[in-house]
Amino acid sequence: MNNLSIVLCTYNEEKFIQKTLQKLIDEEIVKEIIIVDDNSKDNTINIIEKIKSNKIKLFVRKDVRGFASAFNLGISKSNENHILRFDVDMYSEIDYFLFNFNKHPDKDCIIFSRYINDGKDLRSGYRKYPSFIINKICNFLLSNKIKDYTSCIMIFKKNILKDIPIKNTSYANFIIEFIFLLIKKNKSYIEVPFEQKKSTEDNSKSAPNLFTFIKNGSLYLLTIMKCLFIKILG
Protein backbone atom coordinates (compact mmCIF):
# COMPACT_ATOMS: atom_id res chain seq x y z
CA MET A 1 0.00 0.00 0.00
CA ASN A 2 1.25 3.48 -0.83
CA ASN A 3 1.45 5.73 2.20
CA LEU A 4 3.01 9.12 2.69
CA SER A 5 5.61 10.56 4.99
CA ILE A 6 5.44 14.35 4.97
CA VAL A 7 8.77 16.12 5.50
CA LEU A 8 8.49 19.79 6.49
CA CYS A 9 11.59 21.94 6.93
CA THR A 10 10.56 24.89 9.08
CA TYR A 11 11.90 28.18 10.35
CA ASN A 12 9.60 30.89 11.69
CA GLU A 13 6.40 29.43 10.27
CA GLU A 14 3.92 30.50 12.97
CA LYS A 15 1.58 32.06 10.41
CA PHE A 16 0.78 28.82 8.60
CA ILE A 17 2.01 25.83 10.61
CA GLN A 18 -1.21 25.13 12.51
CA LYS A 19 -3.38 25.18 9.38
CA THR A 20 -0.92 22.90 7.61
CA LEU A 21 -0.72 20.35 10.39
CA GLN A 22 -4.45 20.23 11.04
CA LYS A 23 -5.11 19.52 7.38
CA LEU A 24 -2.43 16.81 7.15
CA ILE A 25 -3.49 15.07 10.37
CA ASP A 26 -6.97 14.49 8.95
CA GLU A 27 -5.67 12.74 5.83
CA GLU A 28 -5.68 8.95 6.21
CA ILE A 29 -3.00 8.43 3.57
CA VAL A 30 -0.62 10.66 5.59
CA LYS A 31 0.92 8.34 8.16
CA GLU A 32 3.55 10.64 9.64
CA ILE A 33 4.50 14.30 9.58
CA ILE A 34 8.20 14.84 10.18
CA ILE A 35 9.12 18.41 11.05
CA VAL A 36 12.74 19.53 11.13
CA ASP A 37 12.86 23.00 12.64
CA ASP A 38 16.00 25.14 12.60
CA ASN A 39 15.32 26.63 16.04
CA SER A 40 12.54 29.05 15.06
CA LYS A 41 12.53 32.35 16.94
CA ASP A 42 8.78 32.86 16.74
CA ASN A 43 6.00 30.63 18.11
CA THR A 44 6.38 27.83 15.56
CA ILE A 45 7.70 25.25 18.01
CA ASN A 46 5.14 26.13 20.69
CA ILE A 47 2.30 25.75 18.21
CA ILE A 48 3.56 22.35 17.06
CA GLU A 49 4.01 21.06 20.59
CA LYS A 50 0.44 22.00 21.51
CA ILE A 51 -1.03 19.90 18.70
CA LYS A 52 -1.68 16.40 20.00
CA SER A 53 -1.17 13.84 17.27
CA ASN A 54 0.85 10.65 17.07
CA LYS A 55 1.58 11.50 13.45
CA ILE A 56 3.80 14.45 14.33
CA LYS A 57 7.53 13.94 14.87
CA LEU A 58 9.37 17.15 15.73
CA PHE A 59 13.15 17.57 15.57
CA VAL A 60 14.58 20.94 16.60
CA ARG A 61 18.13 21.72 15.48
CA LYS A 62 19.84 24.41 17.54
CA ASP A 63 23.36 24.36 16.11
CA VAL A 64 22.72 23.57 12.46
CA ARG A 65 20.73 25.33 9.76
CA GLY A 66 20.12 24.70 6.09
CA PHE A 67 17.40 23.34 3.85
CA ALA A 68 19.26 20.37 2.34
CA SER A 69 20.55 19.04 5.66
CA ALA A 70 17.13 19.51 7.26
CA PHE A 71 15.50 17.64 4.40
CA ASN A 72 18.01 14.81 4.70
CA LEU A 73 17.38 14.52 8.42
CA GLY A 74 13.65 14.38 7.83
CA ILE A 75 14.08 11.66 5.21
CA SER A 76 16.27 9.62 7.56
CA LYS A 77 13.49 9.70 10.17
CA SER A 78 10.75 8.65 7.74
CA ASN A 79 9.20 5.19 7.63
CA GLU A 80 6.74 5.22 4.73
CA ASN A 81 7.41 4.32 1.10
CA HIS A 82 6.69 7.79 -0.34
CA ILE A 83 7.80 11.25 0.73
CA LEU A 84 6.00 14.52 0.07
CA ARG A 85 7.85 17.80 0.50
CA PHE A 86 6.33 21.23 0.19
CA ASP A 87 6.58 24.65 1.82
CA VAL A 88 4.35 25.29 4.81
CA ASP A 89 2.84 28.38 3.20
CA MET A 90 1.43 26.12 0.47
CA TYR A 91 -1.06 24.49 2.85
CA SER A 92 -3.95 25.41 0.55
CA GLU A 93 -2.48 23.09 -2.11
CA ILE A 94 -2.42 19.96 0.06
CA ASP A 95 -5.55 18.50 -1.55
CA TYR A 96 -3.94 19.01 -4.96
CA PHE A 97 -0.72 17.29 -3.86
CA LEU A 98 -2.64 14.29 -2.55
CA PHE A 99 -4.89 14.13 -5.61
CA ASN A 100 -1.82 13.78 -7.84
CA PHE A 101 -0.30 11.19 -5.53
CA ASN A 102 -3.43 9.07 -5.88
CA LYS A 103 -3.52 9.69 -9.62
CA HIS A 104 0.13 8.65 -10.25
CA PRO A 105 0.88 6.05 -7.55
CA ASP A 106 3.46 4.16 -9.59
CA LYS A 107 5.70 7.07 -10.53
CA ASP A 108 9.12 7.26 -8.91
CA CYS A 109 8.75 11.04 -8.71
CA ILE A 110 5.97 13.57 -9.19
CA ILE A 111 7.28 17.08 -9.83
CA PHE A 112 4.97 20.05 -9.33
CA SER A 113 6.09 22.20 -12.22
CA ARG A 114 5.70 25.88 -13.01
CA TYR A 115 7.01 25.53 -16.55
CA ILE A 116 4.61 23.15 -18.27
CA ASN A 117 1.16 23.93 -19.66
CA ASP A 118 -1.11 25.38 -16.95
CA GLY A 119 1.84 25.88 -14.61
CA LYS A 120 2.58 29.43 -13.47
CA ASP A 121 5.04 31.44 -11.42
CA LEU A 122 3.19 34.45 -10.03
CA ARG A 123 6.01 35.79 -7.90
CA SER A 124 7.59 39.21 -8.45
CA GLY A 125 10.00 39.66 -11.33
CA TYR A 126 13.15 39.58 -9.20
CA ARG A 127 12.21 36.04 -8.09
CA LYS A 128 10.42 34.80 -11.20
CA TYR A 129 12.85 35.76 -13.95
CA PRO A 130 16.10 34.39 -12.42
CA SER A 131 14.31 31.11 -11.76
CA PHE A 132 13.03 31.01 -15.34
CA ILE A 133 16.52 31.70 -16.74
CA ILE A 134 18.14 29.02 -14.55
CA ASN A 135 15.62 26.49 -15.80
CA LYS A 136 16.14 27.45 -19.43
CA ILE A 137 19.88 26.94 -18.95
CA CYS A 138 19.17 23.49 -17.48
CA ASN A 139 16.89 22.63 -20.41
CA PHE A 140 19.56 23.70 -22.91
CA LEU A 141 22.64 22.18 -21.29
CA LEU A 142 21.26 19.13 -19.49
CA SER A 143 17.91 17.94 -20.89
CA ASN A 144 14.53 19.36 -21.80
CA LYS A 145 12.71 16.19 -20.72
CA ILE A 146 11.90 17.96 -17.44
CA LYS A 147 11.02 21.64 -17.52
CA ASP A 148 11.25 22.63 -13.85
CA TYR A 149 14.67 21.78 -12.40
CA THR A 150 14.27 24.01 -9.35
CA SER A 151 10.91 22.86 -8.03
CA CYS A 152 11.40 21.56 -4.52
CA ILE A 153 7.71 20.61 -4.40
CA MET A 154 7.60 16.91 -5.13
CA ILE A 155 6.54 13.42 -4.12
CA PHE A 156 8.99 10.56 -4.59
CA LYS A 157 9.50 6.94 -3.67
CA LYS A 158 11.93 6.63 -0.82
CA ASN A 159 13.71 3.69 -2.42
CA ILE A 160 15.01 5.79 -5.35
CA LEU A 161 17.35 7.52 -2.90
CA LYS A 162 19.56 4.44 -3.08
CA ASP A 163 20.43 5.53 -6.62
CA ILE A 164 19.87 9.27 -6.28
CA PRO A 165 20.74 10.51 -2.79
CA ILE A 166 19.82 14.03 -1.74
CA LYS A 167 23.14 15.88 -1.66
CA ASN A 168 23.81 17.81 1.53
CA THR A 169 24.45 21.14 -0.18
CA SER A 170 24.43 24.50 1.56
CA TYR A 171 21.32 25.58 -0.33
CA ALA A 172 18.47 24.18 -2.46
CA ASN A 173 20.74 23.71 -5.47
CA PHE A 174 20.77 19.97 -4.71
CA ILE A 175 17.41 19.73 -6.48
CA ILE A 176 18.97 20.38 -9.90
CA GLU A 177 21.27 17.39 -9.60
CA PHE A 178 18.45 15.26 -8.19
CA ILE A 179 16.20 16.02 -11.17
CA PHE A 180 19.04 15.61 -13.67
CA LEU A 181 19.77 12.14 -12.25
CA LEU A 182 16.11 11.17 -12.45
CA ILE A 183 16.50 11.53 -16.20
CA LYS A 184 19.98 10.01 -16.46
CA LYS A 185 19.05 6.94 -14.40
CA ASN A 186 15.78 6.40 -16.27
CA LYS A 187 13.48 6.77 -13.31
CA SER A 188 9.77 7.12 -13.96
CA TYR A 189 8.63 10.66 -13.39
CA ILE A 190 5.89 13.06 -14.33
CA GLU A 191 5.55 16.82 -14.17
CA VAL A 192 2.14 18.13 -13.17
CA PRO A 193 1.19 21.82 -13.40
CA PHE A 194 1.65 23.94 -10.33
CA GLU A 195 0.89 27.60 -9.72
CA GLN A 196 3.37 29.23 -7.36
CA LYS A 197 1.51 32.09 -5.78
CA LYS A 198 3.00 35.52 -5.22
CA SER A 199 2.36 35.20 -1.49
CA THR A 200 5.00 32.47 -1.19
CA GLU A 201 7.81 34.99 -1.67
CA ASP A 202 6.74 36.77 1.52
CA ASN A 203 7.80 33.70 3.48
CA SER A 204 10.94 32.96 1.50
CA LYS A 205 14.22 32.31 3.36
CA SER A 206 16.30 32.19 0.19
CA ALA A 207 16.67 35.88 -0.65
CA PRO A 208 16.80 38.00 2.50
CA ASN A 209 19.23 40.39 0.81
CA LEU A 210 20.95 40.97 -2.55
CA PHE A 211 24.24 39.36 -1.49
CA THR A 212 22.53 36.14 -0.42
CA PHE A 213 20.42 36.11 -3.56
CA ILE A 214 23.52 36.36 -5.78
CA LYS A 215 25.41 33.77 -3.74
CA ASN A 216 22.57 31.27 -3.95
CA GLY A 217 22.24 31.90 -7.68
CA SER A 218 25.92 31.08 -8.15
CA LEU A 219 25.40 27.77 -6.34
CA TYR A 220 22.73 26.85 -8.87
CA LEU A 221 25.13 27.61 -11.72
CA LEU A 222 27.90 25.54 -10.16
CA THR A 223 25.53 22.60 -9.81
CA ILE A 224 24.52 22.93 -13.45
CA MET A 225 28.19 22.80 -14.45
CA LYS A 226 28.68 19.70 -12.31
CA CYS A 227 25.74 17.97 -13.99
CA LEU A 228 27.00 18.99 -17.42
CA PHE A 229 30.37 17.43 -16.58
CA ILE A 230 28.60 14.20 -15.56
CA LYS A 231 26.63 14.29 -18.81
CA ILE A 232 29.75 14.76 -20.95
CA LEU A 233 31.56 11.91 -19.20
CA GLY A 234 28.56 9.71 -19.86
C-alpha atoms as a PDB file:
ATOM      1  CA  MET A   1       0.000   0.000   0.000  1.00  0.00           C
ATOM      2  CA  ASN A   2       1.245   3.476  -0.831  1.00  0.00           C
ATOM      3  CA  ASN A   3       1.449   5.730   2.200  1.00  0.00           C
ATOM      4  CA  LEU A   4       3.014   9.121   2.695  1.00  0.00           C
ATOM      5  CA  SER A   5       5.611  10.562   4.989  1.00  0.00           C
ATOM      6  CA  ILE A   6       5.444  14.351   4.969  1.00  0.00           C
ATOM      7  CA  VAL A   7       8.771  16.125   5.500  1.00  0.00           C
ATOM      8  CA  LEU A   8       8.490  19.788   6.490  1.00  0.00           C
ATOM      9  CA  CYS A   9      11.585  21.943   6.935  1.00  0.00           C
ATOM     10  CA  THR A  10      10.560  24.890   9.077  1.00  0.00           C
ATOM     11  CA  TYR A  11      11.898  28.182  10.346  1.00  0.00           C
ATOM     12  CA  ASN A  12       9.596  30.892  11.693  1.00  0.00           C
ATOM     13  CA  GLU A  13       6.403  29.430  10.271  1.00  0.00           C
ATOM     14  CA  GLU A  14       3.918  30.496  12.966  1.00  0.00           C
ATOM     15  CA  LYS A  15       1.577  32.062  10.406  1.00  0.00           C
ATOM     16  CA  PHE A  16       0.783  28.816   8.596  1.00  0.00           C
ATOM     17  CA  ILE A  17       2.007  25.831  10.611  1.00  0.00           C
ATOM     18  CA  GLN A  18      -1.212  25.134  12.507  1.00  0.00           C
ATOM     19  CA  LYS A  19      -3.381  25.179   9.377  1.00  0.00           C
ATOM     20  CA  THR A  20      -0.924  22.902   7.611  1.00  0.00           C
ATOM     21  CA  LEU A  21      -0.717  20.349  10.387  1.00  0.00           C
ATOM     22  CA  GLN A  22      -4.448  20.232  11.041  1.00  0.00           C
ATOM     23  CA  LYS A  23      -5.112  19.518   7.385  1.00  0.00           C
ATOM     24  CA  LEU A  24      -2.434  16.815   7.154  1.00  0.00           C
ATOM     25  CA  ILE A  25      -3.492  15.068  10.365  1.00  0.00           C
ATOM     26  CA  ASP A  26      -6.972  14.489   8.953  1.00  0.00           C
ATOM     27  CA  GLU A  27      -5.669  12.739   5.835  1.00  0.00           C
ATOM     28  CA  GLU A  28      -5.684   8.953   6.208  1.00  0.00           C
ATOM     29  CA  ILE A  29      -3.005   8.434   3.572  1.00  0.00           C
ATOM     30  CA  VAL A  30      -0.618  10.655   5.585  1.00  0.00           C
ATOM     31  CA  LYS A  31       0.922   8.338   8.156  1.00  0.00           C
ATOM     32  CA  GLU A  32       3.554  10.638   9.642  1.00  0.00           C
ATOM     33  CA  ILE A  33       4.505  14.303   9.584  1.00  0.00           C
ATOM     34  CA  ILE A  34       8.201  14.837  10.180  1.00  0.00           C
ATOM     35  CA  ILE A  35       9.118  18.408  11.052  1.00  0.00           C
ATOM     36  CA  VAL A  36      12.742  19.531  11.133  1.00  0.00           C
ATOM     37  CA  ASP A  37      12.864  22.997  12.636  1.00  0.00           C
ATOM     38  CA  ASP A  38      15.996  25.142  12.600  1.00  0.00           C
ATOM     39  CA  ASN A  39      15.318  26.634  16.040  1.00  0.00           C
ATOM     40  CA  SER A  40      12.539  29.049  15.063  1.00  0.00           C
ATOM     41  CA  LYS A  41      12.533  32.350  16.936  1.00  0.00           C
ATOM     42  CA  ASP A  42       8.775  32.864  16.737  1.00  0.00           C
ATOM     43  CA  ASN A  43       5.995  30.626  18.105  1.00  0.00           C
ATOM     44  CA  THR A  44       6.378  27.834  15.556  1.00  0.00           C
ATOM     45  CA  ILE A  45       7.702  25.249  18.009  1.00  0.00           C
ATOM     46  CA  ASN A  46       5.143  26.130  20.695  1.00  0.00           C
ATOM     47  CA  ILE A  47       2.298  25.753  18.211  1.00  0.00           C
ATOM     48  CA  ILE A  48       3.563  22.354  17.058  1.00  0.00           C
ATOM     49  CA  GLU A  49       4.008  21.055  20.592  1.00  0.00           C
ATOM     50  CA  LYS A  50       0.437  21.995  21.512  1.00  0.00           C
ATOM     51  CA  ILE A  51      -1.031  19.898  18.699  1.00  0.00           C
ATOM     52  CA  LYS A  52      -1.677  16.395  20.004  1.00  0.00           C
ATOM     53  CA  SER A  53      -1.168  13.837  17.271  1.00  0.00           C
ATOM     54  CA  ASN A  54       0.846  10.648  17.070  1.00  0.00           C
ATOM     55  CA  LYS A  55       1.580  11.500  13.447  1.00  0.00           C
ATOM     56  CA  ILE A  56       3.796  14.453  14.334  1.00  0.00           C
ATOM     57  CA  LYS A  57       7.526  13.939  14.871  1.00  0.00           C
ATOM     58  CA  LEU A  58       9.365  17.146  15.730  1.00  0.00           C
ATOM     59  CA  PHE A  59      13.149  17.575  15.567  1.00  0.00           C
ATOM     60  CA  VAL A  60      14.583  20.937  16.599  1.00  0.00           C
ATOM     61  CA  ARG A  61      18.129  21.725  15.481  1.00  0.00           C
ATOM     62  CA  LYS A  62      19.838  24.406  17.537  1.00  0.00           C
ATOM     63  CA  ASP A  63      23.359  24.365  16.107  1.00  0.00           C
ATOM     64  CA  VAL A  64      22.721  23.569  12.458  1.00  0.00           C
ATOM     65  CA  ARG A  65      20.729  25.329   9.762  1.00  0.00           C
ATOM     66  CA  GLY A  66      20.116  24.697   6.090  1.00  0.00           C
ATOM     67  CA  PHE A  67      17.403  23.337   3.846  1.00  0.00           C
ATOM     68  CA  ALA A  68      19.261  20.371   2.345  1.00  0.00           C
ATOM     69  CA  SER A  69      20.553  19.039   5.662  1.00  0.00           C
ATOM     70  CA  ALA A  70      17.131  19.511   7.261  1.00  0.00           C
ATOM     71  CA  PHE A  71      15.503  17.644   4.395  1.00  0.00           C
ATOM     72  CA  ASN A  72      18.009  14.808   4.696  1.00  0.00           C
ATOM     73  CA  LEU A  73      17.384  14.519   8.418  1.00  0.00           C
ATOM     74  CA  GLY A  74      13.647  14.379   7.830  1.00  0.00           C
ATOM     75  CA  ILE A  75      14.083  11.662   5.208  1.00  0.00           C
ATOM     76  CA  SER A  76      16.269   9.617   7.557  1.00  0.00           C
ATOM     77  CA  LYS A  77      13.492   9.696  10.170  1.00  0.00           C
ATOM     78  CA  SER A  78      10.751   8.653   7.744  1.00  0.00           C
ATOM     79  CA  ASN A  79       9.199   5.192   7.634  1.00  0.00           C
ATOM     80  CA  GLU A  80       6.744   5.218   4.731  1.00  0.00           C
ATOM     81  CA  ASN A  81       7.409   4.319   1.099  1.00  0.00           C
ATOM     82  CA  HIS A  82       6.694   7.788  -0.344  1.00  0.00           C
ATOM     83  CA  ILE A  83       7.796  11.251   0.733  1.00  0.00           C
ATOM     84  CA  LEU A  84       6.003  14.518   0.068  1.00  0.00           C
ATOM     85  CA  ARG A  85       7.851  17.803   0.502  1.00  0.00           C
ATOM     86  CA  PHE A  86       6.327  21.234   0.187  1.00  0.00           C
ATOM     87  CA  ASP A  87       6.581  24.645   1.818  1.00  0.00           C
ATOM     88  CA  VAL A  88       4.353  25.295   4.813  1.00  0.00           C
ATOM     89  CA  ASP A  89       2.835  28.376   3.203  1.00  0.00           C
ATOM     90  CA  MET A  90       1.435  26.117   0.469  1.00  0.00           C
ATOM     91  CA  TYR A  91      -1.056  24.492   2.848  1.00  0.00           C
ATOM     92  CA  SER A  92      -3.952  25.410   0.551  1.00  0.00           C
ATOM     93  CA  GLU A  93      -2.475  23.091  -2.114  1.00  0.00           C
ATOM     94  CA  ILE A  94      -2.421  19.957   0.064  1.00  0.00           C
ATOM     95  CA  ASP A  95      -5.551  18.504  -1.554  1.00  0.00           C
ATOM     96  CA  TYR A  96      -3.944  19.007  -4.964  1.00  0.00           C
ATOM     97  CA  PHE A  97      -0.722  17.292  -3.862  1.00  0.00           C
ATOM     98  CA  LEU A  98      -2.639  14.286  -2.547  1.00  0.00           C
ATOM     99  CA  PHE A  99      -4.891  14.134  -5.612  1.00  0.00           C
ATOM    100  CA  ASN A 100      -1.821  13.776  -7.838  1.00  0.00           C
ATOM    101  CA  PHE A 101      -0.299  11.191  -5.527  1.00  0.00           C
ATOM    102  CA  ASN A 102      -3.429   9.070  -5.877  1.00  0.00           C
ATOM    103  CA  LYS A 103      -3.516   9.689  -9.622  1.00  0.00           C
ATOM    104  CA  HIS A 104       0.125   8.647 -10.247  1.00  0.00           C
ATOM    105  CA  PRO A 105       0.877   6.052  -7.548  1.00  0.00           C
ATOM    106  CA  ASP A 106       3.459   4.160  -9.595  1.00  0.00           C
ATOM    107  CA  LYS A 107       5.705   7.069 -10.535  1.00  0.00           C
ATOM    108  CA  ASP A 108       9.116   7.264  -8.910  1.00  0.00           C
ATOM    109  CA  CYS A 109       8.751  11.037  -8.712  1.00  0.00           C
ATOM    110  CA  ILE A 110       5.969  13.574  -9.189  1.00  0.00           C
ATOM    111  CA  ILE A 111       7.285  17.085  -9.830  1.00  0.00           C
ATOM    112  CA  PHE A 112       4.974  20.050  -9.327  1.00  0.00           C
ATOM    113  CA  SER A 113       6.093  22.200 -12.224  1.00  0.00           C
ATOM    114  CA  ARG A 114       5.703  25.879 -13.015  1.00  0.00           C
ATOM    115  CA  TYR A 115       7.008  25.528 -16.555  1.00  0.00           C
ATOM    116  CA  ILE A 116       4.607  23.150 -18.267  1.00  0.00           C
ATOM    117  CA  ASN A 117       1.163  23.927 -19.657  1.00  0.00           C
ATOM    118  CA  ASP A 118      -1.107  25.382 -16.951  1.00  0.00           C
ATOM    119  CA  GLY A 119       1.841  25.882 -14.606  1.00  0.00           C
ATOM    120  CA  LYS A 120       2.577  29.433 -13.465  1.00  0.00           C
ATOM    121  CA  ASP A 121       5.036  31.442 -11.417  1.00  0.00           C
ATOM    122  CA  LEU A 122       3.188  34.454 -10.029  1.00  0.00           C
ATOM    123  CA  ARG A 123       6.014  35.795  -7.895  1.00  0.00           C
ATOM    124  CA  SER A 124       7.585  39.208  -8.445  1.00  0.00           C
ATOM    125  CA  GLY A 125       9.997  39.656 -11.334  1.00  0.00           C
ATOM    126  CA  TYR A 126      13.147  39.578  -9.200  1.00  0.00           C
ATOM    127  CA  ARG A 127      12.207  36.044  -8.087  1.00  0.00           C
ATOM    128  CA  LYS A 128      10.421  34.804 -11.198  1.00  0.00           C
ATOM    129  CA  TYR A 129      12.853  35.757 -13.954  1.00  0.00           C
ATOM    130  CA  PRO A 130      16.096  34.390 -12.419  1.00  0.00           C
ATOM    131  CA  SER A 131      14.306  31.106 -11.763  1.00  0.00           C
ATOM    132  CA  PHE A 132      13.026  31.005 -15.336  1.00  0.00           C
ATOM    133  CA  ILE A 133      16.516  31.697 -16.736  1.00  0.00           C
ATOM    134  CA  ILE A 134      18.139  29.023 -14.550  1.00  0.00           C
ATOM    135  CA  ASN A 135      15.625  26.489 -15.797  1.00  0.00           C
ATOM    136  CA  LYS A 136      16.138  27.450 -19.432  1.00  0.00           C
ATOM    137  CA  ILE A 137      19.883  26.936 -18.954  1.00  0.00           C
ATOM    138  CA  CYS A 138      19.168  23.490 -17.483  1.00  0.00           C
ATOM    139  CA  ASN A 139      16.888  22.630 -20.414  1.00  0.00           C
ATOM    140  CA  PHE A 140      19.557  23.696 -22.915  1.00  0.00           C
ATOM    141  CA  LEU A 141      22.645  22.180 -21.287  1.00  0.00           C
ATOM    142  CA  LEU A 142      21.258  19.133 -19.486  1.00  0.00           C
ATOM    143  CA  SER A 143      17.910  17.944 -20.892  1.00  0.00           C
ATOM    144  CA  ASN A 144      14.529  19.359 -21.796  1.00  0.00           C
ATOM    145  CA  LYS A 145      12.711  16.195 -20.721  1.00  0.00           C
ATOM    146  CA  ILE A 146      11.899  17.961 -17.440  1.00  0.00           C
ATOM    147  CA  LYS A 147      11.021  21.637 -17.523  1.00  0.00           C
ATOM    148  CA  ASP A 148      11.252  22.631 -13.848  1.00  0.00           C
ATOM    149  CA  TYR A 149      14.668  21.781 -12.399  1.00  0.00           C
ATOM    150  CA  THR A 150      14.272  24.010  -9.348  1.00  0.00           C
ATOM    151  CA  SER A 151      10.915  22.857  -8.033  1.00  0.00           C
ATOM    152  CA  CYS A 152      11.397  21.563  -4.517  1.00  0.00           C
ATOM    153  CA  ILE A 153       7.711  20.610  -4.400  1.00  0.00           C
ATOM    154  CA  MET A 154       7.604  16.909  -5.131  1.00  0.00           C
ATOM    155  CA  ILE A 155       6.539  13.421  -4.124  1.00  0.00           C
ATOM    156  CA  PHE A 156       8.991  10.563  -4.588  1.00  0.00           C
ATOM    157  CA  LYS A 157       9.501   6.937  -3.671  1.00  0.00           C
ATOM    158  CA  LYS A 158      11.933   6.633  -0.824  1.00  0.00           C
ATOM    159  CA  ASN A 159      13.714   3.693  -2.418  1.00  0.00           C
ATOM    160  CA  ILE A 160      15.013   5.790  -5.346  1.00  0.00           C
ATOM    161  CA  LEU A 161      17.346   7.516  -2.901  1.00  0.00           C
ATOM    162  CA  LYS A 162      19.563   4.445  -3.077  1.00  0.00           C
ATOM    163  CA  ASP A 163      20.431   5.526  -6.616  1.00  0.00           C
ATOM    164  CA  ILE A 164      19.871   9.268  -6.281  1.00  0.00           C
ATOM    165  CA  PRO A 165      20.744  10.513  -2.792  1.00  0.00           C
ATOM    166  CA  ILE A 166      19.824  14.030  -1.745  1.00  0.00           C
ATOM    167  CA  LYS A 167      23.136  15.879  -1.665  1.00  0.00           C
ATOM    168  CA  ASN A 168      23.814  17.806   1.527  1.00  0.00           C
ATOM    169  CA  THR A 169      24.451  21.144  -0.185  1.00  0.00           C
ATOM    170  CA  SER A 170      24.425  24.499   1.565  1.00  0.00           C
ATOM    171  CA  TYR A 171      21.319  25.584  -0.329  1.00  0.00           C
ATOM    172  CA  ALA A 172      18.466  24.179  -2.457  1.00  0.00           C
ATOM    173  CA  ASN A 173      20.742  23.707  -5.473  1.00  0.00           C
ATOM    174  CA  PHE A 174      20.774  19.965  -4.712  1.00  0.00           C
ATOM    175  CA  ILE A 175      17.408  19.730  -6.478  1.00  0.00           C
ATOM    176  CA  ILE A 176      18.974  20.385  -9.902  1.00  0.00           C
ATOM    177  CA  GLU A 177      21.269  17.385  -9.603  1.00  0.00           C
ATOM    178  CA  PHE A 178      18.452  15.256  -8.188  1.00  0.00           C
ATOM    179  CA  ILE A 179      16.204  16.017 -11.169  1.00  0.00           C
ATOM    180  CA  PHE A 180      19.043  15.607 -13.674  1.00  0.00           C
ATOM    181  CA  LEU A 181      19.772  12.144 -12.251  1.00  0.00           C
ATOM    182  CA  LEU A 182      16.106  11.171 -12.454  1.00  0.00           C
ATOM    183  CA  ILE A 183      16.501  11.530 -16.204  1.00  0.00           C
ATOM    184  CA  LYS A 184      19.979  10.012 -16.457  1.00  0.00           C
ATOM    185  CA  LYS A 185      19.049   6.942 -14.402  1.00  0.00           C
ATOM    186  CA  ASN A 186      15.778   6.398 -16.271  1.00  0.00           C
ATOM    187  CA  LYS A 187      13.483   6.767 -13.306  1.00  0.00           C
ATOM    188  CA  SER A 188       9.775   7.118 -13.960  1.00  0.00           C
ATOM    189  CA  TYR A 189       8.627  10.658 -13.392  1.00  0.00           C
ATOM    190  CA  ILE A 190       5.886  13.058 -14.328  1.00  0.00           C
ATOM    191  CA  GLU A 191       5.546  16.822 -14.175  1.00  0.00           C
ATOM    192  CA  VAL A 192       2.142  18.133 -13.175  1.00  0.00           C
ATOM    193  CA  PRO A 193       1.192  21.818 -13.404  1.00  0.00           C
ATOM    194  CA  PHE A 194       1.655  23.941 -10.326  1.00  0.00           C
ATOM    195  CA  GLU A 195       0.893  27.599  -9.720  1.00  0.00           C
ATOM    196  CA  GLN A 196       3.367  29.228  -7.365  1.00  0.00           C
ATOM    197  CA  LYS A 197       1.508  32.092  -5.782  1.00  0.00           C
ATOM    198  CA  LYS A 198       3.002  35.524  -5.219  1.00  0.00           C
ATOM    199  CA  SER A 199       2.359  35.201  -1.488  1.00  0.00           C
ATOM    200  CA  THR A 200       5.002  32.474  -1.195  1.00  0.00           C
ATOM    201  CA  GLU A 201       7.809  34.986  -1.672  1.00  0.00           C
ATOM    202  CA  ASP A 202       6.737  36.772   1.519  1.00  0.00           C
ATOM    203  CA  ASN A 203       7.803  33.703   3.482  1.00  0.00           C
ATOM    204  CA  SER A 204      10.945  32.958   1.497  1.00  0.00           C
ATOM    205  CA  LYS A 205      14.215  32.305   3.360  1.00  0.00           C
ATOM    206  CA  SER A 206      16.296  32.191   0.190  1.00  0.00           C
ATOM    207  CA  ALA A 207      16.671  35.882  -0.650  1.00  0.00           C
ATOM    208  CA  PRO A 208      16.796  37.996   2.498  1.00  0.00           C
ATOM    209  CA  ASN A 209      19.231  40.387   0.809  1.00  0.00           C
ATOM    210  CA  LEU A 210      20.946  40.966  -2.546  1.00  0.00           C
ATOM    211  CA  PHE A 211      24.239  39.357  -1.493  1.00  0.00           C
ATOM    212  CA  THR A 212      22.528  36.136  -0.422  1.00  0.00           C
ATOM    213  CA  PHE A 213      20.417  36.113  -3.560  1.00  0.00           C
ATOM    214  CA  ILE A 214      23.518  36.357  -5.781  1.00  0.00           C
ATOM    215  CA  LYS A 215      25.408  33.774  -3.737  1.00  0.00           C
ATOM    216  CA  ASN A 216      22.570  31.275  -3.945  1.00  0.00           C
ATOM    217  CA  GLY A 217      22.236  31.895  -7.678  1.00  0.00           C
ATOM    218  CA  SER A 218      25.916  31.080  -8.148  1.00  0.00           C
ATOM    219  CA  LEU A 219      25.403  27.774  -6.343  1.00  0.00           C
ATOM    220  CA  TYR A 220      22.727  26.854  -8.866  1.00  0.00           C
ATOM    221  CA  LEU A 221      25.129  27.612 -11.724  1.00  0.00           C
ATOM    222  CA  LEU A 222      27.905  25.541 -10.163  1.00  0.00           C
ATOM    223  CA  THR A 223      25.527  22.602  -9.807  1.00  0.00           C
ATOM    224  CA  ILE A 224      24.517  22.925 -13.454  1.00  0.00           C
ATOM    225  CA  MET A 225      28.190  22.801 -14.446  1.00  0.00           C
ATOM    226  CA  LYS A 226      28.684  19.702 -12.309  1.00  0.00           C
ATOM    227  CA  CYS A 227      25.735  17.967 -13.988  1.00  0.00           C
ATOM    228  CA  LEU A 228      27.001  18.989 -17.417  1.00  0.00           C
ATOM    229  CA  PHE A 229      30.372  17.433 -16.582  1.00  0.00           C
ATOM    230  CA  ILE A 230      28.600  14.204 -15.561  1.00  0.00           C
ATOM    231  CA  LYS A 231      26.634  14.287 -18.810  1.00  0.00           C
ATOM    232  CA  ILE A 232      29.754  14.756 -20.945  1.00  0.00           C
ATOM    233  CA  LEU A 233      31.563  11.912 -19.201  1.00  0.00           C
ATOM    234  CA  GLY A 234      28.559   9.705 -19.859  1.00  0.00           C
END
